[in-house]
Amino acid sequence: MAAYPIDLGRKSGPFPTEAVNPAEKHYPTLYLDDIGSEMDLPDDGLMTVRFHKTSETTTDREGKKTQCVCIEVQEIVKVKGEAPKEDEKSPGEVLDELLAEKQKEGEDY
């Protein structure tokens, strides 16, 4: 079994599939669809989930192994939000400030 936590961030390979800065780390994305209710998740945090692995593929190219795993997220067990950095505003705060500015300028929104 692997040692946890595992940082899933990877630098871009020689043939990126999208325009990215190769010096930055990029992370896999988890999409939750058809959940049936609003989750009210924090912008950043720690999530514990119960899952079932539905498929797994390991590829070995020239001695470099990569793995793709498909999981079915069955339950969100726990969510703990992280406090934003002192100098960092949440997206909601930024939007609220922009709306207030536009309303001061007399624009309807």
C-alpha atoms as a PDB file:
ATOM      1  CA  MET A   1       0.000   0.000   0.000  1.00  0.00           C
ATOM      2  CA  ALA A   2       1.199   3.508  -0.801  1.00  0.00           C
ATOM      3  CA  ALA A   3       2.321   5.951   1.874  1.00  0.00           C
ATOM      4  CA  TYR A   4      -0.252   8.712   2.419  1.00  0.00           C
ATOM      5  CA  PRO A   5      -0.749  11.581   1.831  1.00  0.00           C
ATOM      6  CA  ILE A   6       0.181  11.472  -1.860  1.00  0.00           C
ATOM      7  CA  ASP A   7       0.717  14.805  -3.650  1.00  0.00           C
ATOM      8  CA  LEU A   8      -1.027  14.327  -7.016  1.00  0.00           C
ATOM      9  CA  GLY A   9       0.458  17.490  -8.527  1.00  0.00           C
ATOM     10  CA  ARG A  10       2.553  16.896 -11.624  1.00  0.00           C
ATOM     11  CA  LYS A  11       4.590  19.172 -13.829  1.00  0.00           C
ATOM     12  CA  SER A  12       3.481  19.258 -17.443  1.00  0.00           C
ATOM     13  CA  GLY A  13       5.009  16.645 -19.743  1.00  0.00           C
ATOM     14  CA  PRO A  14       6.674  17.288 -23.093  1.00  0.00           C
ATOM     15  CA  PHE A  15       3.307  17.370 -24.918  1.00  0.00           C
ATOM     16  CA  PRO A  16       0.751  19.174 -22.744  1.00  0.00           C
ATOM     17  CA  THR A  17      -2.871  18.695 -23.721  1.00  0.00           C
ATOM     18  CA  GLU A  18      -3.724  22.289 -22.819  1.00  0.00           C
ATOM     19  CA  ALA A  19      -1.879  25.593 -22.647  1.00  0.00           C
ATOM     20  CA  VAL A  20      -0.215  25.442 -19.236  1.00  0.00           C
ATOM     21  CA  ASN A  21       2.864  26.803 -17.565  1.00  0.00           C
ATOM     22  CA  PRO A  22       5.190  23.758 -17.480  1.00  0.00           C
ATOM     23  CA  ALA A  23       6.860  25.005 -14.296  1.00  0.00           C
ATOM     24  CA  GLU A  24       3.586  24.869 -12.300  1.00  0.00           C
ATOM     25  CA  LYS A  25       2.060  21.789 -10.740  1.00  0.00           C
ATOM     26  CA  HIS A  26      -1.256  20.629 -12.138  1.00  0.00           C
ATOM     27  CA  TYR A  27      -3.680  18.357 -10.333  1.00  0.00           C
ATOM     28  CA  PRO A  28      -6.286  15.831 -11.463  1.00  0.00           C
ATOM     29  CA  THR A  29      -9.880  17.046 -11.215  1.00  0.00           C
ATOM     30  CA  LEU A  30     -12.706  15.311  -9.377  1.00  0.00           C
ATOM     31  CA  TYR A  31     -16.158  16.113 -10.764  1.00  0.00           C
ATOM     32  CA  LEU A  32     -19.233  15.359  -8.677  1.00  0.00           C
ATOM     33  CA  ASP A  33     -22.327  15.275 -10.853  1.00  0.00           C
ATOM     34  CA  ASP A  34     -25.985  14.531 -10.251  1.00  0.00           C
ATOM     35  CA  ILE A  35     -25.645  14.932  -6.487  1.00  0.00           C
ATOM     36  CA  GLY A  36     -29.249  15.990  -5.958  1.00  0.00           C
ATOM     37  CA  SER A  37     -28.602  18.765  -3.435  1.00  0.00           C
ATOM     38  CA  GLU A  38     -26.379  21.762  -2.795  1.00  0.00           C
ATOM     39  CA  MET A  39     -23.179  20.747  -1.002  1.00  0.00           C
ATOM     40  CA  ASP A  40     -21.978  24.168   0.238  1.00  0.00           C
ATOM     41  CA  LEU A  41     -18.297  23.179   0.053  1.00  0.00           C
ATOM     42  CA  PRO A  42     -15.536  25.556   1.185  1.00  0.00           C
ATOM     43  CA  ASP A  43     -13.142  26.902  -1.464  1.00  0.00           C
ATOM     44  CA  ASP A  44     -10.263  24.898   0.051  1.00  0.00           C
ATOM     45  CA  GLY A  45     -10.142  22.168   2.631  1.00  0.00           C
ATOM     46  CA  LEU A  46      -9.827  18.514   3.463  1.00  0.00           C
ATOM     47  CA  MET A  47     -12.453  15.986   2.385  1.00  0.00           C
ATOM     48  CA  THR A  48     -12.822  12.382   3.465  1.00  0.00           C
ATOM     49  CA  VAL A  49     -14.831  10.214   1.085  1.00  0.00           C
ATOM     50  CA  ARG A  50     -15.973   6.606   0.891  1.00  0.00           C
ATOM     51  CA  PHE A  51     -15.292   5.239  -2.597  1.00  0.00           C
ATOM     52  CA  HIS A  52     -15.269   2.148  -4.793  1.00  0.00           C
ATOM     53  CA  LYS A  53     -12.538   1.663  -7.413  1.00  0.00           C
ATOM     54  CA  THR A  54     -14.282   0.752 -10.691  1.00  0.00           C
ATOM     55  CA  SER A  55     -11.220   0.453 -12.922  1.00  0.00           C
ATOM     56  CA  GLU A  56      -7.450   0.767 -12.885  1.00  0.00           C
ATOM     57  CA  THR A  57      -4.875   0.898 -15.676  1.00  0.00           C
ATOM     58  CA  THR A  58      -1.099   0.919 -15.238  1.00  0.00           C
ATOM     59  CA  THR A  59       1.089   1.814 -18.200  1.00  0.00           C
ATOM     60  CA  ASP A  60       4.847   1.252 -18.412  1.00  0.00           C
ATOM     61  CA  ARG A  61       6.534   3.327 -21.125  1.00  0.00           C
ATOM     62  CA  GLU A  62      10.292   3.170 -21.294  1.00  0.00           C
ATOM     63  CA  GLY A  63      10.515   2.355 -17.595  1.00  0.00           C
ATOM     64  CA  LYS A  64       8.183   5.157 -16.490  1.00  0.00           C
ATOM     65  CA  LYS A  65       4.984   3.874 -14.899  1.00  0.00           C
ATOM     66  CA  THR A  66       1.775   5.886 -14.888  1.00  0.00           C
ATOM     67  CA  GLN A  67      -1.567   4.910 -13.430  1.00  0.00           C
ATOM     68  CA  CYS A  68      -5.161   5.879 -14.193  1.00  0.00           C
ATOM     69  CA  VAL A  69      -7.834   5.005 -11.649  1.00  0.00           C
ATOM     70  CA  CYS A  70     -11.578   5.497 -11.941  1.00  0.00           C
ATOM     71  CA  ILE A  71     -13.420   5.753  -8.632  1.00  0.00           C
ATOM     72  CA  GLU A  72     -17.077   5.987  -7.726  1.00  0.00           C
ATOM     73  CA  VAL A  73     -17.491   8.425  -4.809  1.00  0.00           C
ATOM     74  CA  GLN A  74     -20.181   6.827  -2.678  1.00  0.00           C
ATOM     75  CA  GLU A  75     -20.269   9.123   0.345  1.00  0.00           C
ATOM     76  CA  ILE A  76     -18.724  12.351   1.602  1.00  0.00           C
ATOM     77  CA  VAL A  77     -17.853  11.420   5.158  1.00  0.00           C
ATOM     78  CA  LYS A  78     -16.314  14.665   6.390  1.00  0.00           C
ATOM     79  CA  VAL A  79     -15.345  18.124   5.135  1.00  0.00           C
ATOM     80  CA  LYS A  80     -13.101  20.565   6.967  1.00  0.00           C
ATOM     81  CA  GLY A  81     -12.604  24.009   5.424  1.00  0.00           C
ATOM     82  CA  GLU A  82      -9.318  25.849   5.558  1.00  0.00           C
ATOM     83  CA  ALA A  83      -9.244  29.485   6.578  1.00  0.00           C
ATOM     84  CA  PRO A  84      -8.258  31.788   3.706  1.00  0.00           C
ATOM     85  CA  LYS A  85      -4.872  33.494   3.952  1.00  0.00           C
ATOM     86  CA  GLU A  86      -5.055  36.910   5.600  1.00  0.00           C
ATOM     87  CA  ASP A  87      -4.293  38.808   2.402  1.00  0.00           C
ATOM     88  CA  GLU A  88      -6.452  36.571   0.218  1.00  0.00           C
ATOM     89  CA  LYS A  89     -10.123  37.306  -0.464  1.00  0.00           C
ATOM     90  CA  SER A  90     -12.609  34.590  -1.295  1.00  0.00           C
ATOM     91  CA  PRO A  91     -14.241  34.687  -4.750  1.00  0.00           C
ATOM     92  CA  GLY A  92     -17.508  35.663  -3.065  1.00  0.00           C
ATOM     93  CA  GLU A  93     -15.891  38.647  -1.342  1.00  0.00           C
ATOM     94  CA  VAL A  94     -14.364  39.830  -4.631  1.00  0.00           C
ATOM     95  CA  LEU A  95     -17.743  39.582  -6.391  1.00  0.00           C
ATOM     96  CA  ASP A  96     -19.510  41.399  -3.536  1.00  0.00           C
ATOM     97  CA  GLU A  97     -16.994  44.254  -3.762  1.00  0.00           C
ATOM     98  CA  LEU A  98     -17.405  44.516  -7.547  1.00  0.00           C
ATOM     99  CA  LEU A  99     -21.195  44.555  -7.208  1.00  0.00           C
ATOM    100  CA  ALA A 100     -21.007  47.296  -4.558  1.00  0.00           C
ATOM    101  CA  GLU A 101     -18.755  49.387  -6.845  1.00  0.00           C
ATOM    102  CA  LYS A 102     -21.134  49.041  -9.794  1.00  0.00           C
ATOM    103  CA  GLN A 103     -24.137  49.899  -7.636  1.00  0.00           C
ATOM    104  CA  LYS A 104     -22.341  53.058  -6.425  1.00  0.00           C
ATOM    105  CA  GLU A 105     -21.807  53.993 -10.071  1.00  0.00           C
ATOM    106  CA  GLY A 106     -25.559  53.708 -10.574  1.00  0.00           C
ATOM    107  CA  GLU A 107     -25.587  50.558 -12.672  1.00  0.00           C
ATOM    108  CA  ASP A 108     -28.378  48.040 -12.106  1.00  0.00           C
ATOM    109  CA  TYR A 109     -27.479  44.432 -11.268  1.00  0.00           C
END
